[in-house]
Amino acid sequence: MDPMCSWCWGFAPVVEALAEQARAAGVALHLVAGGLRTGGGAALDPATRRYILEHWQEVQRTTGQPFSFEGAMPGGFVYDTEPACRALVTARSLAAELAWPLVKRIQHAFYAEGRDVGQPGVLAELAEAVGLPRRTFVEVFDSQEMRASTAADFIWVQDLGTAGFPTLLAERNGQLALLTNGYQPLEELAPLLARWLERGAHA
């Protein structure tokens, strides 16, 4: 997933419910940063902004998740998802249980509040809000080690041949099972996960 992927934001309530379902069976949620748009130094042009906002409207219609369209991605906005992805990886390394709460904060800040979550200061504020010590977060976030760890996530996703986000995989004994590539409603995915968990219980 990518914290700045609109379909991942649409999928967030589904992930939350599936994570609870898996946790009840002793299976943890592990987030991997996908790197949707990384390394972009140029500001969004108006045509690309319009195209992205059309996507957002489709996500909102399909999922009901809140979006703030007015003033979203203002002039000069650089759509680089690497910092938000690195925040995810940083949280995962510092306190794995806070990675998902931080991702949700980043998503809400970007899509519902119109904040620029590519800014390290904004990410540090959001990290602090979910319980990560701000100074520690900033130091680790800025480190070469965390840049390398984030790049390693991107490479893992690319090597997997993942076509898009969100992608949900179930892993047992090193074997990956694809639950979905792309948004699916909970009523489609909960039975799939239940069957996978049941097979593990009988293994």
N, C-alpha and C. Protein backbone atom coordinates (compact mmCIF):
# COMPACT_ATOMS: atom_id res chain seq x y z
N MET A 1 0.84 -1.19 0.00
CA MET A 1 0.00 0.00 0.00
C MET A 1 0.87 1.24 0.00
N ASP A 2 0.22 2.35 -0.25
CA ASP A 2 0.91 3.64 -0.18
C ASP A 2 -0.02 4.59 0.56
N PRO A 3 0.48 5.31 1.58
CA PRO A 3 -0.40 6.20 2.33
C PRO A 3 -1.05 7.28 1.46
N MET A 4 -0.46 7.58 0.30
CA MET A 4 -1.02 8.61 -0.58
C MET A 4 -1.68 8.01 -1.81
N CYS A 5 -2.10 6.77 -1.71
CA CYS A 5 -2.88 6.09 -2.76
C CYS A 5 -4.35 6.21 -2.40
N SER A 6 -5.16 6.81 -3.26
CA SER A 6 -6.56 7.08 -2.91
C SER A 6 -7.37 5.80 -2.72
N TRP A 7 -7.09 4.76 -3.51
CA TRP A 7 -7.83 3.51 -3.32
C TRP A 7 -7.43 2.84 -2.01
N CYS A 8 -6.20 3.06 -1.55
CA CYS A 8 -5.79 2.54 -0.23
C CYS A 8 -6.58 3.25 0.87
N TRP A 9 -6.82 4.54 0.69
CA TRP A 9 -7.65 5.29 1.64
C TRP A 9 -9.07 4.74 1.60
N GLY A 10 -9.59 4.49 0.43
CA GLY A 10 -10.91 3.91 0.30
C GLY A 10 -11.00 2.54 0.95
N PHE A 11 -9.90 1.82 0.91
CA PHE A 11 -9.83 0.44 1.41
C PHE A 11 -9.59 0.37 2.91
N ALA A 12 -9.24 1.50 3.53
CA ALA A 12 -8.80 1.50 4.94
C ALA A 12 -9.81 0.84 5.89
N PRO A 13 -11.11 1.13 5.81
CA PRO A 13 -12.05 0.47 6.73
C PRO A 13 -12.10 -1.04 6.52
N VAL A 14 -11.92 -1.48 5.27
CA VAL A 14 -11.92 -2.91 4.96
C VAL A 14 -10.69 -3.57 5.59
N VAL A 15 -9.53 -2.93 5.43
CA VAL A 15 -8.29 -3.44 6.03
C VAL A 15 -8.45 -3.55 7.55
N GLU A 16 -9.03 -2.51 8.12
CA GLU A 16 -9.22 -2.49 9.58
C GLU A 16 -10.03 -3.70 10.04
N ALA A 17 -11.13 -3.96 9.34
CA ALA A 17 -12.00 -5.09 9.71
C ALA A 17 -11.30 -6.43 9.48
N LEU A 18 -10.58 -6.54 8.37
CA LEU A 18 -9.88 -7.80 8.07
C LEU A 18 -8.73 -8.03 9.06
N ALA A 19 -8.06 -6.95 9.46
CA ALA A 19 -6.97 -7.07 10.43
C ALA A 19 -7.50 -7.59 11.76
N GLU A 20 -8.69 -7.12 12.16
CA GLU A 20 -9.32 -7.60 13.39
C GLU A 20 -9.66 -9.08 13.27
N GLN A 21 -10.20 -9.45 12.11
CA GLN A 21 -10.56 -10.85 11.85
C GLN A 21 -9.32 -11.75 11.94
N ALA A 22 -8.22 -11.28 11.34
CA ALA A 22 -6.97 -12.06 11.35
C ALA A 22 -6.36 -12.09 12.74
N ARG A 23 -6.39 -10.94 13.44
CA ARG A 23 -5.78 -10.85 14.77
C ARG A 23 -6.45 -11.84 15.73
N ALA A 24 -7.77 -12.00 15.58
CA ALA A 24 -8.50 -12.94 16.44
C ALA A 24 -7.99 -14.37 16.26
N ALA A 25 -7.40 -14.64 15.09
CA ALA A 25 -6.84 -15.97 14.81
C ALA A 25 -5.32 -16.00 15.00
N GLY A 26 -4.78 -14.92 15.57
CA GLY A 26 -3.35 -14.88 15.86
C GLY A 26 -2.47 -14.49 14.69
N VAL A 27 -3.06 -13.84 13.68
CA VAL A 27 -2.30 -13.41 12.49
C VAL A 27 -2.21 -11.88 12.50
N ALA A 28 -0.99 -11.36 12.41
CA ALA A 28 -0.77 -9.91 12.51
C ALA A 28 -0.80 -9.24 11.14
N LEU A 29 -1.13 -7.95 11.13
CA LEU A 29 -1.09 -7.13 9.92
C LEU A 29 0.32 -6.58 9.75
N HIS A 30 0.88 -6.74 8.57
CA HIS A 30 2.20 -6.18 8.26
C HIS A 30 2.07 -5.31 7.02
N LEU A 31 2.37 -4.03 7.16
CA LEU A 31 2.25 -3.08 6.04
C LEU A 31 3.56 -2.97 5.29
N VAL A 32 3.47 -3.00 3.97
CA VAL A 32 4.64 -2.79 3.11
C VAL A 32 4.37 -1.57 2.24
N ALA A 33 5.35 -0.65 2.20
CA ALA A 33 5.20 0.59 1.44
C ALA A 33 5.45 0.33 -0.04
N GLY A 34 4.51 0.75 -0.87
CA GLY A 34 4.59 0.43 -2.29
C GLY A 34 5.33 1.43 -3.15
N GLY A 35 5.33 2.70 -2.77
CA GLY A 35 6.00 3.71 -3.59
C GLY A 35 5.22 4.02 -4.86
N LEU A 36 4.05 4.62 -4.67
CA LEU A 36 3.14 4.93 -5.79
C LEU A 36 3.75 5.95 -6.75
N ARG A 37 4.21 7.06 -6.21
CA ARG A 37 4.83 8.13 -7.01
C ARG A 37 6.02 8.65 -6.22
N THR A 38 7.21 8.24 -6.58
CA THR A 38 8.36 8.62 -5.77
C THR A 38 9.40 9.38 -6.59
N GLY A 39 10.09 10.27 -5.90
CA GLY A 39 11.19 10.98 -6.52
C GLY A 39 10.78 12.11 -7.44
N GLY A 40 9.47 12.44 -7.44
CA GLY A 40 9.01 13.50 -8.33
C GLY A 40 9.36 14.86 -7.78
N GLY A 41 10.13 15.63 -8.51
CA GLY A 41 10.51 16.95 -8.02
C GLY A 41 9.64 18.06 -8.57
N ALA A 42 8.83 17.75 -9.61
CA ALA A 42 8.04 18.79 -10.27
C ALA A 42 6.67 18.91 -9.63
N ALA A 43 6.17 20.15 -9.61
CA ALA A 43 4.82 20.38 -9.10
C ALA A 43 3.80 19.80 -10.07
N LEU A 44 2.64 19.42 -9.54
CA LEU A 44 1.57 18.87 -10.38
C LEU A 44 1.11 19.92 -11.40
N ASP A 45 0.92 19.49 -12.63
CA ASP A 45 0.33 20.40 -13.60
C ASP A 45 -1.20 20.30 -13.49
N PRO A 46 -1.93 21.31 -13.96
CA PRO A 46 -3.39 21.34 -13.77
C PRO A 46 -4.10 20.12 -14.35
N ALA A 47 -3.65 19.63 -15.50
CA ALA A 47 -4.31 18.48 -16.14
C ALA A 47 -4.17 17.23 -15.27
N THR A 48 -2.97 17.01 -14.73
CA THR A 48 -2.75 15.84 -13.87
C THR A 48 -3.56 15.97 -12.58
N ARG A 49 -3.62 17.19 -12.05
CA ARG A 49 -4.41 17.42 -10.83
C ARG A 49 -5.87 17.07 -11.09
N ARG A 50 -6.43 17.52 -12.22
CA ARG A 50 -7.83 17.21 -12.56
C ARG A 50 -8.03 15.71 -12.67
N TYR A 51 -7.09 15.04 -13.30
CA TYR A 51 -7.17 13.58 -13.48
C TYR A 51 -7.18 12.86 -12.12
N ILE A 52 -6.31 13.30 -11.21
CA ILE A 52 -6.24 12.69 -9.89
C ILE A 52 -7.54 12.95 -9.11
N LEU A 53 -8.06 14.17 -9.19
CA LEU A 53 -9.29 14.50 -8.47
C LEU A 53 -10.48 13.69 -8.98
N GLU A 54 -10.49 13.37 -10.28
CA GLU A 54 -11.54 12.50 -10.83
C GLU A 54 -11.45 11.11 -10.19
N HIS A 55 -10.23 10.63 -10.01
CA HIS A 55 -10.02 9.35 -9.32
C HIS A 55 -10.57 9.43 -7.89
N TRP A 56 -10.25 10.52 -7.22
CA TRP A 56 -10.70 10.69 -5.84
C TRP A 56 -12.23 10.64 -5.77
N GLN A 57 -12.88 11.30 -6.73
CA GLN A 57 -14.36 11.31 -6.74
C GLN A 57 -14.91 9.90 -6.92
N GLU A 58 -14.24 9.11 -7.77
CA GLU A 58 -14.66 7.72 -7.98
C GLU A 58 -14.49 6.91 -6.69
N VAL A 59 -13.36 7.12 -6.00
CA VAL A 59 -13.11 6.41 -4.74
C VAL A 59 -14.18 6.78 -3.72
N GLN A 60 -14.49 8.07 -3.64
CA GLN A 60 -15.51 8.51 -2.68
C GLN A 60 -16.87 7.90 -3.00
N ARG A 61 -17.25 7.89 -4.29
CA ARG A 61 -18.54 7.30 -4.69
C ARG A 61 -18.59 5.81 -4.33
N THR A 62 -17.49 5.11 -4.54
CA THR A 62 -17.45 3.65 -4.34
C THR A 62 -17.38 3.27 -2.88
N THR A 63 -16.61 4.03 -2.09
CA THR A 63 -16.29 3.59 -0.72
C THR A 63 -16.95 4.43 0.37
N GLY A 64 -17.35 5.67 0.04
CA GLY A 64 -17.94 6.54 1.05
C GLY A 64 -16.92 7.22 1.96
N GLN A 65 -15.63 7.01 1.70
CA GLN A 65 -14.60 7.65 2.53
C GLN A 65 -14.60 9.17 2.29
N PRO A 66 -14.28 9.96 3.33
CA PRO A 66 -14.34 11.42 3.18
C PRO A 66 -13.15 11.99 2.40
N PHE A 67 -13.45 12.95 1.55
CA PHE A 67 -12.43 13.67 0.79
C PHE A 67 -12.73 15.16 0.86
N SER A 68 -11.67 15.95 0.89
CA SER A 68 -11.81 17.40 0.79
C SER A 68 -11.27 17.81 -0.58
N PHE A 69 -12.16 18.18 -1.48
CA PHE A 69 -11.74 18.48 -2.86
C PHE A 69 -11.31 19.94 -3.03
N GLU A 70 -11.97 20.82 -2.28
CA GLU A 70 -11.68 22.25 -2.42
C GLU A 70 -10.29 22.55 -1.87
N GLY A 71 -9.44 23.08 -2.70
CA GLY A 71 -8.09 23.44 -2.26
C GLY A 71 -7.13 22.26 -2.17
N ALA A 72 -7.58 21.07 -2.59
CA ALA A 72 -6.69 19.90 -2.53
C ALA A 72 -5.54 20.07 -3.51
N MET A 73 -4.36 19.65 -3.11
CA MET A 73 -3.17 19.71 -3.98
C MET A 73 -3.04 21.07 -4.66
N PRO A 74 -2.86 22.15 -3.89
CA PRO A 74 -2.83 23.50 -4.47
C PRO A 74 -1.63 23.71 -5.38
N GLY A 75 -1.63 24.83 -6.08
CA GLY A 75 -0.53 25.16 -6.98
C GLY A 75 0.82 25.00 -6.30
N GLY A 76 1.75 24.33 -6.98
CA GLY A 76 3.08 24.11 -6.42
C GLY A 76 3.20 22.80 -5.66
N PHE A 77 2.07 22.09 -5.48
CA PHE A 77 2.11 20.83 -4.73
C PHE A 77 2.90 19.78 -5.51
N VAL A 78 3.84 19.12 -4.81
CA VAL A 78 4.65 18.05 -5.40
C VAL A 78 4.12 16.72 -4.87
N TYR A 79 3.62 15.89 -5.77
CA TYR A 79 3.02 14.60 -5.38
C TYR A 79 4.12 13.54 -5.34
N ASP A 80 4.89 13.57 -4.26
CA ASP A 80 5.95 12.58 -4.05
C ASP A 80 5.57 11.77 -2.81
N THR A 81 5.32 10.48 -2.98
CA THR A 81 4.84 9.68 -1.86
C THR A 81 5.96 9.05 -1.04
N GLU A 82 7.22 9.27 -1.42
CA GLU A 82 8.33 8.64 -0.68
C GLU A 82 8.35 9.05 0.80
N PRO A 83 8.20 10.34 1.14
CA PRO A 83 8.24 10.69 2.57
C PRO A 83 7.15 10.00 3.39
N ALA A 84 5.93 9.95 2.86
CA ALA A 84 4.84 9.30 3.58
C ALA A 84 5.11 7.80 3.73
N CYS A 85 5.64 7.19 2.68
CA CYS A 85 6.02 5.77 2.75
C CYS A 85 7.13 5.57 3.80
N ARG A 86 8.08 6.49 3.82
CA ARG A 86 9.19 6.38 4.78
C ARG A 86 8.68 6.56 6.22
N ALA A 87 7.65 7.38 6.39
CA ALA A 87 7.03 7.52 7.71
C ALA A 87 6.43 6.19 8.16
N LEU A 88 5.77 5.50 7.23
CA LEU A 88 5.21 4.18 7.53
C LEU A 88 6.32 3.22 7.98
N VAL A 89 7.40 3.17 7.20
CA VAL A 89 8.51 2.25 7.49
C VAL A 89 9.19 2.63 8.81
N THR A 90 9.29 3.93 9.07
CA THR A 90 9.88 4.41 10.33
C THR A 90 9.04 3.95 11.52
N ALA A 91 7.73 4.16 11.41
CA ALA A 91 6.85 3.73 12.50
C ALA A 91 6.93 2.22 12.70
N ARG A 92 6.98 1.48 11.61
CA ARG A 92 7.06 0.02 11.68
C ARG A 92 8.33 -0.43 12.41
N SER A 93 9.42 0.31 12.20
CA SER A 93 10.70 -0.05 12.84
C SER A 93 10.74 0.35 14.31
N LEU A 94 10.04 1.44 14.65
CA LEU A 94 10.08 1.93 16.03
C LEU A 94 9.05 1.24 16.93
N ALA A 95 7.85 1.04 16.40
CA ALA A 95 6.76 0.42 17.18
C ALA A 95 5.76 -0.11 16.16
N ALA A 96 5.91 -1.38 15.80
CA ALA A 96 5.13 -1.96 14.70
C ALA A 96 3.63 -1.74 14.87
N GLU A 97 3.17 -1.77 16.11
CA GLU A 97 1.72 -1.63 16.34
C GLU A 97 1.20 -0.23 16.03
N LEU A 98 2.13 0.75 15.88
CA LEU A 98 1.71 2.12 15.56
C LEU A 98 1.79 2.45 14.07
N ALA A 99 2.25 1.50 13.26
CA ALA A 99 2.37 1.76 11.82
C ALA A 99 1.00 2.01 11.20
N TRP A 100 0.03 1.14 11.51
CA TRP A 100 -1.31 1.32 10.93
C TRP A 100 -2.00 2.58 11.46
N PRO A 101 -1.98 2.86 12.78
CA PRO A 101 -2.55 4.13 13.23
C PRO A 101 -1.92 5.35 12.56
N LEU A 102 -0.61 5.32 12.32
CA LEU A 102 0.03 6.45 11.65
C LEU A 102 -0.42 6.55 10.20
N VAL A 103 -0.50 5.43 9.51
CA VAL A 103 -0.97 5.45 8.12
C VAL A 103 -2.36 6.06 8.05
N LYS A 104 -3.24 5.65 8.96
CA LYS A 104 -4.61 6.21 8.95
C LYS A 104 -4.59 7.72 9.18
N ARG A 105 -3.70 8.19 10.08
CA ARG A 105 -3.58 9.63 10.33
C ARG A 105 -3.09 10.36 9.08
N ILE A 106 -2.11 9.77 8.41
CA ILE A 106 -1.57 10.38 7.19
C ILE A 106 -2.65 10.44 6.12
N GLN A 107 -3.36 9.35 5.94
CA GLN A 107 -4.43 9.30 4.93
C GLN A 107 -5.49 10.35 5.22
N HIS A 108 -5.94 10.42 6.46
CA HIS A 108 -7.00 11.37 6.81
C HIS A 108 -6.52 12.80 6.62
N ALA A 109 -5.27 13.07 7.03
CA ALA A 109 -4.71 14.42 6.89
C ALA A 109 -4.66 14.83 5.43
N PHE A 110 -4.28 13.91 4.56
CA PHE A 110 -4.13 14.22 3.13
C PHE A 110 -5.48 14.34 2.44
N TYR A 111 -6.32 13.33 2.60
CA TYR A 111 -7.56 13.27 1.81
C TYR A 111 -8.71 14.06 2.41
N ALA A 112 -8.85 14.04 3.73
CA ALA A 112 -9.99 14.70 4.36
C ALA A 112 -9.68 16.11 4.83
N GLU A 113 -8.39 16.39 5.11
CA GLU A 113 -8.02 17.71 5.64
C GLU A 113 -7.23 18.56 4.65
N GLY A 114 -6.80 17.96 3.53
CA GLY A 114 -6.08 18.71 2.51
C GLY A 114 -4.68 19.14 2.93
N ARG A 115 -4.04 18.40 3.84
CA ARG A 115 -2.70 18.77 4.30
C ARG A 115 -1.65 18.14 3.39
N ASP A 116 -0.48 18.79 3.34
CA ASP A 116 0.63 18.29 2.52
C ASP A 116 1.45 17.31 3.35
N VAL A 117 1.14 16.03 3.19
CA VAL A 117 1.82 15.00 4.00
C VAL A 117 3.15 14.56 3.38
N GLY A 118 3.61 15.32 2.40
CA GLY A 118 4.96 15.12 1.89
C GLY A 118 5.98 15.91 2.71
N GLN A 119 5.48 16.75 3.62
CA GLN A 119 6.35 17.60 4.43
C GLN A 119 6.77 16.87 5.70
N PRO A 120 8.08 16.77 5.96
CA PRO A 120 8.55 16.05 7.15
C PRO A 120 7.96 16.58 8.45
N GLY A 121 7.76 17.89 8.55
CA GLY A 121 7.18 18.47 9.77
C GLY A 121 5.77 17.99 10.03
N VAL A 122 4.98 17.87 8.97
CA VAL A 122 3.61 17.37 9.10
C VAL A 122 3.63 15.91 9.53
N LEU A 123 4.52 15.13 8.91
CA LEU A 123 4.63 13.70 9.25
C LEU A 123 5.07 13.52 10.71
N ALA A 124 6.00 14.35 11.18
CA ALA A 124 6.45 14.27 12.57
C ALA A 124 5.32 14.59 13.54
N GLU A 125 4.51 15.58 13.18
CA GLU A 125 3.36 15.95 14.02
C GLU A 125 2.36 14.79 14.10
N LEU A 126 2.09 14.16 12.96
CA LEU A 126 1.14 13.04 12.93
C LEU A 126 1.69 11.83 13.69
N ALA A 127 3.01 11.61 13.57
CA ALA A 127 3.64 10.51 14.29
C ALA A 127 3.52 10.72 15.80
N GLU A 128 3.75 11.95 16.22
CA GLU A 128 3.64 12.28 17.64
C GLU A 128 2.21 12.06 18.12
N ALA A 129 1.24 12.38 17.27
CA ALA A 129 -0.18 12.25 17.64
C ALA A 129 -0.58 10.80 17.89
N VAL A 130 0.12 9.85 17.25
CA VAL A 130 -0.23 8.44 17.49
C VAL A 130 0.63 7.80 18.57
N GLY A 131 1.54 8.59 19.16
CA GLY A 131 2.30 8.09 20.30
C GLY A 131 3.77 7.82 20.07
N LEU A 132 4.29 8.24 18.92
CA LEU A 132 5.73 8.09 18.67
C LEU A 132 6.46 9.34 19.16
N PRO A 133 7.55 9.19 19.93
CA PRO A 133 8.30 10.38 20.38
C PRO A 133 8.80 11.17 19.16
N ARG A 134 8.47 12.45 19.12
CA ARG A 134 8.75 13.26 17.94
C ARG A 134 10.24 13.26 17.58
N ARG A 135 11.10 13.50 18.56
CA ARG A 135 12.53 13.62 18.25
C ARG A 135 13.08 12.30 17.71
N THR A 136 12.70 11.21 18.33
CA THR A 136 13.15 9.89 17.87
C THR A 136 12.67 9.64 16.46
N PHE A 137 11.39 9.93 16.22
CA PHE A 137 10.82 9.72 14.89
C PHE A 137 11.60 10.52 13.84
N VAL A 138 11.84 11.80 14.12
CA VAL A 138 12.54 12.67 13.15
C VAL A 138 13.94 12.13 12.86
N GLU A 139 14.66 11.74 13.90
CA GLU A 139 16.03 11.24 13.72
C GLU A 139 16.05 9.98 12.86
N VAL A 140 15.15 9.05 13.16
CA VAL A 140 15.12 7.78 12.42
C VAL A 140 14.61 8.02 11.00
N PHE A 141 13.57 8.84 10.87
CA PHE A 141 13.00 9.17 9.56
C PHE A 141 14.05 9.76 8.63
N ASP A 142 14.93 10.61 9.19
CA ASP A 142 15.95 11.30 8.38
C ASP A 142 17.17 10.43 8.08
N SER A 143 17.24 9.26 8.67
CA SER A 143 18.46 8.45 8.55
C SER A 143 18.58 7.76 7.19
N GLN A 144 19.83 7.51 6.80
CA GLN A 144 20.09 6.77 5.57
C GLN A 144 19.53 5.35 5.67
N GLU A 145 19.60 4.80 6.87
CA GLU A 145 19.09 3.44 7.08
C GLU A 145 17.60 3.35 6.74
N MET A 146 16.85 4.38 7.13
CA MET A 146 15.40 4.35 6.88
C MET A 146 15.10 4.62 5.40
N ARG A 147 15.92 5.44 4.75
CA ARG A 147 15.76 5.63 3.29
C ARG A 147 16.00 4.30 2.57
N ALA A 148 17.02 3.58 3.03
CA ALA A 148 17.35 2.28 2.42
C ALA A 148 16.25 1.25 2.70
N SER A 149 15.72 1.26 3.92
CA SER A 149 14.64 0.32 4.27
C SER A 149 13.39 0.58 3.44
N THR A 150 13.11 1.86 3.20
CA THR A 150 11.94 2.23 2.40
C THR A 150 12.15 1.79 0.95
N ALA A 151 13.35 2.02 0.42
CA ALA A 151 13.68 1.58 -0.94
C ALA A 151 13.57 0.05 -1.05
N ALA A 152 13.95 -0.65 0.02
CA ALA A 152 13.85 -2.11 0.03
C ALA A 152 12.39 -2.56 -0.05
N ASP A 153 11.50 -1.84 0.61
CA ASP A 153 10.06 -2.13 0.49
C ASP A 153 9.62 -1.98 -0.96
N PHE A 154 10.03 -0.87 -1.59
CA PHE A 154 9.63 -0.61 -2.98
C PHE A 154 10.11 -1.75 -3.89
N ILE A 155 11.35 -2.19 -3.67
CA ILE A 155 11.92 -3.25 -4.51
C ILE A 155 11.17 -4.56 -4.29
N TRP A 156 10.84 -4.86 -3.04
CA TRP A 156 10.09 -6.09 -2.74
C TRP A 156 8.76 -6.11 -3.49
N VAL A 157 8.07 -4.95 -3.47
CA VAL A 157 6.78 -4.83 -4.15
C VAL A 157 6.96 -4.99 -5.66
N GLN A 158 7.99 -4.34 -6.21
CA GLN A 158 8.25 -4.44 -7.67
C GLN A 158 8.59 -5.87 -8.05
N ASP A 159 9.43 -6.52 -7.25
CA ASP A 159 9.83 -7.90 -7.55
C ASP A 159 8.65 -8.86 -7.50
N LEU A 160 7.68 -8.52 -6.69
CA LEU A 160 6.47 -9.34 -6.57
C LEU A 160 5.60 -9.21 -7.82
N GLY A 161 5.84 -8.14 -8.59
CA GLY A 161 5.03 -7.91 -9.79
C GLY A 161 3.66 -7.34 -9.48
N THR A 162 3.56 -6.66 -8.34
CA THR A 162 2.28 -6.09 -7.94
C THR A 162 1.84 -5.03 -8.95
N ALA A 163 0.62 -5.20 -9.46
CA ALA A 163 0.13 -4.31 -10.52
C ALA A 163 -0.47 -3.03 -9.97
N GLY A 164 -0.90 -3.03 -8.73
CA GLY A 164 -1.52 -1.82 -8.20
C GLY A 164 -1.77 -1.94 -6.71
N PHE A 165 -2.26 -0.85 -6.14
CA PHE A 165 -2.53 -0.80 -4.71
C PHE A 165 -4.01 -0.48 -4.50
N PRO A 166 -4.60 -0.98 -3.43
CA PRO A 166 -4.01 -1.85 -2.43
C PRO A 166 -3.91 -3.30 -2.91
N THR A 167 -2.92 -4.01 -2.41
CA THR A 167 -2.82 -5.45 -2.62
C THR A 167 -2.76 -6.11 -1.24
N LEU A 168 -3.58 -7.11 -1.06
CA LEU A 168 -3.64 -7.80 0.23
C LEU A 168 -3.21 -9.25 0.06
N LEU A 169 -2.15 -9.60 0.78
CA LEU A 169 -1.61 -10.96 0.71
C LEU A 169 -1.70 -11.61 2.07
N ALA A 170 -1.92 -12.92 2.07
CA ALA A 170 -1.88 -13.69 3.30
C ALA A 170 -0.64 -14.58 3.23
N GLU A 171 0.17 -14.57 4.28
CA GLU A 171 1.45 -15.30 4.25
C GLU A 171 1.48 -16.36 5.35
N ARG A 172 1.81 -17.58 4.93
CA ARG A 172 1.96 -18.69 5.88
C ARG A 172 3.17 -19.51 5.47
N ASN A 173 4.10 -19.67 6.38
CA ASN A 173 5.31 -20.48 6.11
C ASN A 173 6.03 -20.04 4.83
N GLY A 174 6.07 -18.72 4.63
CA GLY A 174 6.77 -18.19 3.46
C GLY A 174 5.97 -18.25 2.17
N GLN A 175 4.77 -18.82 2.22
CA GLN A 175 3.92 -18.91 1.03
C GLN A 175 2.91 -17.77 1.04
N LEU A 176 2.83 -17.06 -0.09
CA LEU A 176 1.92 -15.92 -0.20
C LEU A 176 0.67 -16.32 -0.96
N ALA A 177 -0.49 -15.93 -0.42
CA ALA A 177 -1.76 -16.12 -1.11
C ALA A 177 -2.36 -14.75 -1.37
N LEU A 178 -2.79 -14.51 -2.60
CA LEU A 178 -3.37 -13.21 -2.97
C LEU A 178 -4.84 -13.18 -2.57
N LEU A 179 -5.18 -12.24 -1.68
CA LEU A 179 -6.59 -12.05 -1.33
C LEU A 179 -7.25 -11.03 -2.26
N THR A 180 -6.54 -9.95 -2.56
CA THR A 180 -7.04 -9.01 -3.55
C THR A 180 -5.92 -8.12 -4.09
N ASN A 181 -6.05 -7.78 -5.35
CA ASN A 181 -5.24 -6.72 -5.96
C ASN A 181 -6.23 -5.66 -6.42
N GLY A 182 -6.32 -4.60 -5.65
CA GLY A 182 -7.31 -3.57 -5.91
C GLY A 182 -8.42 -3.60 -4.88
N TYR A 183 -9.22 -2.56 -4.88
CA TYR A 183 -10.29 -2.43 -3.89
C TYR A 183 -11.35 -3.52 -4.07
N GLN A 184 -11.74 -4.13 -2.97
CA GLN A 184 -12.90 -5.02 -2.92
C GLN A 184 -13.63 -4.73 -1.61
N PRO A 185 -14.96 -4.84 -1.60
CA PRO A 185 -15.68 -4.60 -0.35
C PRO A 185 -15.44 -5.72 0.66
N LEU A 186 -15.71 -5.42 1.92
CA LEU A 186 -15.47 -6.36 3.00
C LEU A 186 -16.24 -7.67 2.79
N GLU A 187 -17.48 -7.56 2.32
CA GLU A 187 -18.29 -8.78 2.18
C GLU A 187 -17.72 -9.76 1.15
N GLU A 188 -16.88 -9.26 0.24
CA GLU A 188 -16.20 -10.14 -0.70
C GLU A 188 -14.97 -10.79 -0.08
N LEU A 189 -14.26 -10.02 0.75
CA LEU A 189 -12.95 -10.46 1.24
C LEU A 189 -13.00 -11.22 2.56
N ALA A 190 -13.95 -10.90 3.43
CA ALA A 190 -14.01 -11.57 4.73
C ALA A 190 -14.14 -13.09 4.59
N PRO A 191 -14.99 -13.60 3.68
CA PRO A 191 -15.08 -15.06 3.52
C PRO A 191 -13.79 -15.67 2.97
N LEU A 192 -13.10 -14.96 2.09
CA LEU A 192 -11.82 -15.46 1.56
C LEU A 192 -10.80 -15.59 2.68
N LEU A 193 -10.71 -14.55 3.51
CA LEU A 193 -9.77 -14.59 4.63
C LEU A 193 -10.16 -15.70 5.61
N ALA A 194 -11.45 -15.83 5.85
CA ALA A 194 -11.93 -16.87 6.78
C ALA A 194 -11.51 -18.26 6.31
N ARG A 195 -11.63 -18.52 5.00
CA ARG A 195 -11.24 -19.82 4.45
C ARG A 195 -9.74 -20.05 4.61
N TRP A 196 -8.96 -18.98 4.35
CA TRP A 196 -7.49 -19.09 4.48
C TRP A 196 -7.10 -19.37 5.93
N LEU A 197 -7.75 -18.66 6.86
CA LEU A 197 -7.46 -18.86 8.28
C LEU A 197 -7.87 -20.27 8.72
N GLU A 198 -8.97 -20.75 8.19
CA GLU A 198 -9.47 -22.09 8.55
C GLU A 198 -8.50 -23.16 8.08
N ARG A 199 -7.96 -23.00 6.86
CA ARG A 199 -7.00 -23.96 6.35
C ARG A 199 -5.76 -24.02 7.27
N GLY A 200 -5.35 -22.87 7.78
CA GLY A 200 -4.21 -22.83 8.69
C GLY A 200 -4.50 -23.52 10.00
N ALA A 201 -5.74 -23.38 10.47
CA ALA A 201 -6.13 -24.00 11.75
C ALA A 201 -6.12 -25.52 11.64
N HIS A 202 -6.38 -26.04 10.43
CA HIS A 202 -6.43 -27.50 10.24
C HIS A 202 -5.11 -28.08 9.76
N ALA A 203 -4.14 -27.17 9.48
CA ALA A 203 -2.86 -27.65 8.93
C ALA A 203 -2.05 -28.38 9.99
